[in-house]
Amino acid sequence: ASPTASFSNCVPNNEAMDRQSGGYGGYGERGAKLPRTGEAPDDKGASDPPGYGTGAKYWDDRYRRDPSPFEWLEGFEQLESLLTQLTEGDFSRRILHIGCGNSLLPEDMYDHGWKSIVNVDNSQVVIQQMLKRNSVKRPELEWKVGDATTMEFAQTGEFDLVIDKSVLDTFACADGSGAMIDSYLKCVSQVLSSRGAFLCVSYGDPISRESHFKRQLSLELETIKLPKRYSDSSNPHYVYICRKKKC
């Protein structure tokens, strides 16, 4: 499907994105009001999706224009119990945060005890911004530029937890989304350890998302519908948890 045809299952529109900014209730740097994000480029019509799936240039331009922290969908406060469950409360677990952007999630996780976190994004701009922001206060956080559909930066079985907050949603907005998502999930399965789990937070409902996970025969799927944090008609968010099947 084209990005336009599939946009209702990709990412929220501008108004929804403003309402659903992350774990600080719309606030970023520990109290700084987050700017508007998710606007469609000026040359797009109102019914067309933003250029989320168009590659690193879109994201480099976006982060140069607006370096303020932004939390996609859910933040640490909403995810803490799941993170604790999936790591069995073991702060030494090796964690991959794919498509990290300038989310505050890894900072909060670090401050709560998880130190071994590799943060990857295809935008060199945001990786440099986040490295500069955290190099002194959180020196053990790792920041890398990388492609989620190849994961050449990772070793087989390296990670005990892979975190995705709307990365799969971004791929769903691109041309050839099915093949792209298949490549991505195969890489996720490859880099997961035998005890590892994949935590995917998504705007897409099970009808639009579960089929992608079920095509990966090596993964077991659990779907969780998160409580709506707003009283209006905004769509709920979902968590898709994948684990390697036991032989």
Protein backbone atom coordinates (compact mmCIF):
# COMPACT_ATOMS: atom_id res chain seq x y z
CA ALA A 1 0.00 0.00 0.00
CA SER A 2 1.13 3.54 -0.61
CA PRO A 3 1.90 5.78 2.37
CA THR A 4 -1.25 7.79 1.73
CA ALA A 5 -3.47 4.72 1.64
CA SER A 6 -2.02 3.31 4.83
CA PHE A 7 -1.61 6.53 6.81
CA SER A 8 -4.55 5.88 9.13
CA ASN A 9 -2.61 2.89 10.44
CA CYS A 10 0.79 4.60 10.53
CA VAL A 11 1.11 7.51 12.91
CA PRO A 12 -1.29 10.03 14.44
CA ASN A 13 -2.16 13.33 12.82
CA ASN A 14 -0.90 16.69 14.13
CA GLU A 15 -3.65 17.22 16.68
CA ALA A 16 -3.39 13.68 18.01
CA MET A 17 0.39 13.90 18.21
CA ASP A 18 0.16 17.07 20.29
CA ARG A 19 -2.22 15.35 22.70
CA GLN A 20 -0.19 12.16 22.84
CA SER A 21 3.29 13.51 23.41
CA GLY A 22 5.12 11.38 25.84
CA GLY A 23 5.64 10.40 29.40
CA TYR A 24 5.89 13.96 30.71
CA GLY A 25 2.34 14.81 29.68
CA GLY A 26 3.47 17.04 26.83
CA TYR A 27 6.61 18.31 28.55
CA GLY A 28 10.15 17.54 27.55
CA GLU A 29 13.35 18.62 29.27
CA ARG A 30 11.98 18.06 32.78
CA GLY A 31 9.34 20.76 32.46
CA ALA A 32 10.10 22.56 29.18
CA LYS A 33 6.96 22.66 27.04
CA LEU A 34 7.35 20.47 23.99
CA PRO A 35 6.92 22.13 20.59
CA ARG A 36 4.45 20.99 18.01
CA THR A 37 5.75 17.96 16.14
CA GLY A 38 4.54 15.70 13.39
CA GLU A 39 3.57 18.45 10.95
CA ALA A 40 3.30 17.46 7.32
CA PRO A 41 5.90 19.07 5.06
CA ASP A 42 4.72 22.25 3.37
CA ASP A 43 4.55 20.63 -0.07
CA LYS A 44 2.16 17.91 1.09
CA GLY A 45 -1.61 18.14 0.99
CA ALA A 46 -3.63 17.87 4.20
CA SER A 47 -4.60 14.29 3.38
CA ASP A 48 -1.02 13.17 2.69
CA PRO A 49 1.24 11.71 5.38
CA PRO A 50 4.42 13.39 6.58
CA GLY A 51 7.69 12.05 5.21
CA TYR A 52 8.34 9.70 8.12
CA GLY A 53 9.32 6.80 5.91
CA THR A 54 11.49 8.76 3.47
CA GLY A 55 14.83 8.22 5.19
CA ALA A 56 17.53 9.99 7.14
CA LYS A 57 17.33 13.35 5.35
CA TYR A 58 13.80 13.97 6.61
CA TRP A 59 14.88 13.26 10.19
CA ASP A 60 18.17 15.19 9.96
CA ASP A 61 16.27 18.27 8.74
CA ARG A 62 13.65 17.83 11.42
CA TYR A 63 16.15 17.55 14.31
CA ARG A 64 18.20 20.50 13.06
CA ARG A 65 15.03 22.56 12.94
CA ASP A 66 13.77 21.40 16.31
CA PRO A 67 16.20 19.69 18.73
CA SER A 68 13.78 19.77 21.70
CA PRO A 69 13.16 16.34 23.30
CA PHE A 70 10.00 14.61 22.16
CA GLU A 71 8.49 11.40 23.48
CA TRP A 72 6.68 9.24 20.94
CA LEU A 73 3.47 7.64 22.23
CA GLU A 74 4.48 6.59 25.76
CA GLY A 75 7.24 7.53 28.19
CA PHE A 76 9.07 5.92 31.08
CA GLU A 77 6.25 6.42 33.56
CA GLN A 78 3.86 4.40 31.41
CA LEU A 79 6.39 1.71 30.45
CA GLU A 80 8.37 1.21 33.67
CA SER A 81 6.43 -1.84 34.88
CA LEU A 82 6.78 -3.56 31.49
CA LEU A 83 10.49 -2.75 31.33
CA THR A 84 10.98 -4.22 34.79
CA GLN A 85 8.99 -7.33 33.86
CA LEU A 86 10.80 -7.92 30.57
CA THR A 87 14.25 -7.51 32.14
CA GLU A 88 13.22 -9.45 35.27
CA GLY A 89 14.41 -6.48 37.30
CA ASP A 90 17.99 -7.17 36.16
CA PHE A 91 19.67 -3.82 35.51
CA SER A 92 22.63 -5.52 33.81
CA ARG A 93 20.54 -6.65 30.81
CA ARG A 94 21.81 -5.43 27.43
CA ILE A 95 19.18 -3.18 25.81
CA LEU A 96 18.77 -1.84 22.27
CA HIS A 97 16.62 1.27 21.80
CA ILE A 98 16.04 1.41 18.07
CA GLY A 99 14.91 4.66 16.41
CA CYS A 100 15.74 6.52 19.61
CA GLY A 101 15.33 10.05 18.26
CA ASN A 102 15.57 12.51 21.16
CA SER A 103 13.35 10.50 23.47
CA LEU A 104 14.00 10.91 27.19
CA LEU A 105 13.25 7.22 27.79
CA PRO A 106 16.91 6.05 27.87
CA GLU A 107 17.83 8.87 30.23
CA ASP A 108 15.07 7.89 32.65
CA MET A 109 15.96 4.21 32.35
CA TYR A 110 19.62 5.02 33.06
CA ASP A 111 18.70 7.10 36.10
CA HIS A 112 16.61 4.19 37.41
CA GLY A 113 19.45 1.67 37.06
CA TRP A 114 19.57 0.33 33.47
CA LYS A 115 23.03 1.35 32.26
CA SER A 116 23.73 -0.94 29.28
CA ILE A 117 21.55 0.78 26.66
CA VAL A 118 22.53 1.16 23.00
CA ASN A 119 20.54 3.95 21.32
CA VAL A 120 20.39 3.84 17.52
CA ASP A 121 18.88 6.18 14.95
CA ASN A 122 19.37 6.75 11.23
CA SER A 123 19.77 10.49 11.87
CA GLN A 124 23.38 11.45 12.51
CA VAL A 125 22.14 14.86 13.65
CA VAL A 126 20.08 13.57 16.55
CA ILE A 127 22.70 11.01 17.59
CA GLN A 128 25.28 13.79 17.90
CA GLN A 129 22.79 15.95 19.81
CA MET A 130 21.98 13.18 22.28
CA LEU A 131 25.62 12.15 22.71
CA LYS A 132 26.53 15.73 23.59
CA ARG A 133 23.55 15.98 25.94
CA ASN A 134 24.42 12.80 27.88
CA SER A 135 28.18 12.26 27.59
CA VAL A 136 28.98 13.72 31.00
CA LYS A 137 25.94 12.91 33.09
CA ARG A 138 25.25 9.44 31.60
CA PRO A 139 28.58 8.29 30.16
CA GLU A 140 27.63 4.60 29.80
CA LEU A 141 24.80 5.29 27.35
CA GLU A 142 25.85 4.36 23.80
CA TRP A 143 24.76 6.33 20.73
CA LYS A 144 25.10 4.96 17.20
CA VAL A 145 23.98 5.83 13.69
CA GLY A 146 22.45 2.74 12.09
CA ASP A 147 19.85 1.20 9.81
CA ALA A 148 17.11 -0.75 11.60
CA THR A 149 16.53 -2.97 8.56
CA THR A 150 20.10 -4.32 8.55
CA MET A 151 21.36 -3.80 12.14
CA GLU A 152 24.97 -4.11 11.02
CA PHE A 153 25.92 -2.43 14.30
CA ALA A 154 24.74 -5.43 16.37
CA GLN A 155 26.03 -8.91 17.14
CA THR A 156 23.81 -11.99 16.84
CA GLY A 157 22.05 -12.58 20.16
CA GLU A 158 23.55 -9.44 21.68
CA PHE A 159 20.45 -7.90 23.26
CA ASP A 160 18.13 -9.02 26.03
CA LEU A 161 15.56 -6.34 25.21
CA VAL A 162 14.84 -4.37 22.02
CA ILE A 163 12.63 -1.29 22.41
CA ASP A 164 10.68 0.19 19.49
CA LYS A 165 8.44 3.22 20.00
CA SER A 166 6.72 3.85 16.66
CA VAL A 167 9.61 2.70 14.46
CA LEU A 168 7.44 0.00 12.95
CA ASP A 169 4.75 2.68 12.51
CA THR A 170 7.23 4.75 10.52
CA PHE A 171 8.02 1.82 8.23
CA ALA A 172 4.29 1.28 7.73
CA CYS A 173 4.16 4.75 6.15
CA ALA A 174 6.74 3.93 3.48
CA ASP A 175 6.38 2.47 0.00
CA GLY A 176 7.09 -1.26 0.14
CA SER A 177 6.24 -1.26 3.83
CA GLY A 178 5.55 -5.01 4.06
CA ALA A 179 9.01 -6.06 2.87
CA MET A 180 10.66 -3.36 4.94
CA ILE A 181 8.90 -4.49 8.13
CA ASP A 182 9.76 -8.13 7.39
CA SER A 183 13.47 -7.23 7.09
CA TYR A 184 13.28 -5.21 10.29
CA LEU A 185 11.64 -7.96 12.33
CA LYS A 186 14.07 -10.59 11.04
CA CYS A 187 16.92 -8.38 12.27
CA VAL A 188 15.20 -7.94 15.64
CA SER A 189 14.87 -11.71 15.99
CA GLN A 190 18.52 -12.19 15.06
CA VAL A 191 19.93 -9.72 17.62
CA LEU A 192 17.72 -10.97 20.49
CA SER A 193 19.31 -13.29 23.01
CA SER A 194 17.61 -16.58 23.86
CA ARG A 195 16.00 -14.91 26.88
CA GLY A 196 15.34 -11.67 25.01
CA ALA A 197 12.12 -9.78 24.33
CA PHE A 198 11.02 -7.21 21.75
CA LEU A 199 8.87 -4.39 23.13
CA CYS A 200 7.06 -2.58 20.31
CA VAL A 201 4.87 0.40 21.26
CA SER A 202 2.59 1.29 18.37
CA TYR A 203 -0.24 3.52 17.27
CA GLY A 204 -1.44 0.71 15.00
CA ASP A 205 -4.22 -1.60 16.15
CA PRO A 206 -3.91 -5.40 16.08
CA ILE A 207 -5.70 -5.67 12.73
CA SER A 208 -2.98 -3.60 11.06
CA ARG A 209 0.01 -4.86 13.04
CA GLU A 210 -0.30 -8.47 14.24
CA SER A 211 0.06 -9.98 10.77
CA HIS A 212 3.57 -8.56 10.50
CA PHE A 213 4.69 -10.26 13.71
CA LYS A 214 2.95 -13.53 12.89
CA ARG A 215 4.91 -13.85 9.65
CA GLN A 216 8.04 -14.21 11.78
CA LEU A 217 7.76 -17.88 12.75
CA SER A 218 10.57 -17.63 15.30
CA LEU A 219 8.65 -15.19 17.50
CA GLU A 220 5.80 -15.62 19.99
CA LEU A 221 3.46 -12.63 20.23
CA GLU A 222 1.60 -11.03 23.13
CA THR A 223 -0.63 -7.98 22.49
CA ILE A 224 -1.53 -5.45 25.19
CA LYS A 225 -3.93 -2.54 24.76
CA LEU A 226 -2.72 0.35 26.88
CA PRO A 227 -5.14 2.51 28.89
CA LYS A 228 -6.15 5.68 27.09
CA ARG A 229 -4.65 8.70 28.78
CA TYR A 230 -7.07 11.17 27.24
CA SER A 231 -10.83 11.47 27.54
CA ASP A 232 -11.47 12.41 23.91
CA SER A 233 -11.77 10.06 20.94
CA SER A 234 -8.02 9.65 20.32
CA ASN A 235 -6.94 6.14 19.44
CA PRO A 236 -5.41 3.94 22.13
CA HIS A 237 -1.84 2.73 21.91
CA TYR A 238 -0.79 -0.91 21.81
CA VAL A 239 2.21 -2.86 23.03
CA TYR A 240 3.33 -5.87 21.02
CA ILE A 241 5.73 -8.13 22.94
CA CYS A 242 7.66 -10.77 21.01
CA ARG A 243 9.83 -13.50 22.47
CA LYS A 244 11.79 -16.22 20.76
CA LYS A 245 9.97 -19.53 20.61
CA LYS A 246 11.46 -22.26 22.76
CA CYS A 247 12.88 -25.16 20.77
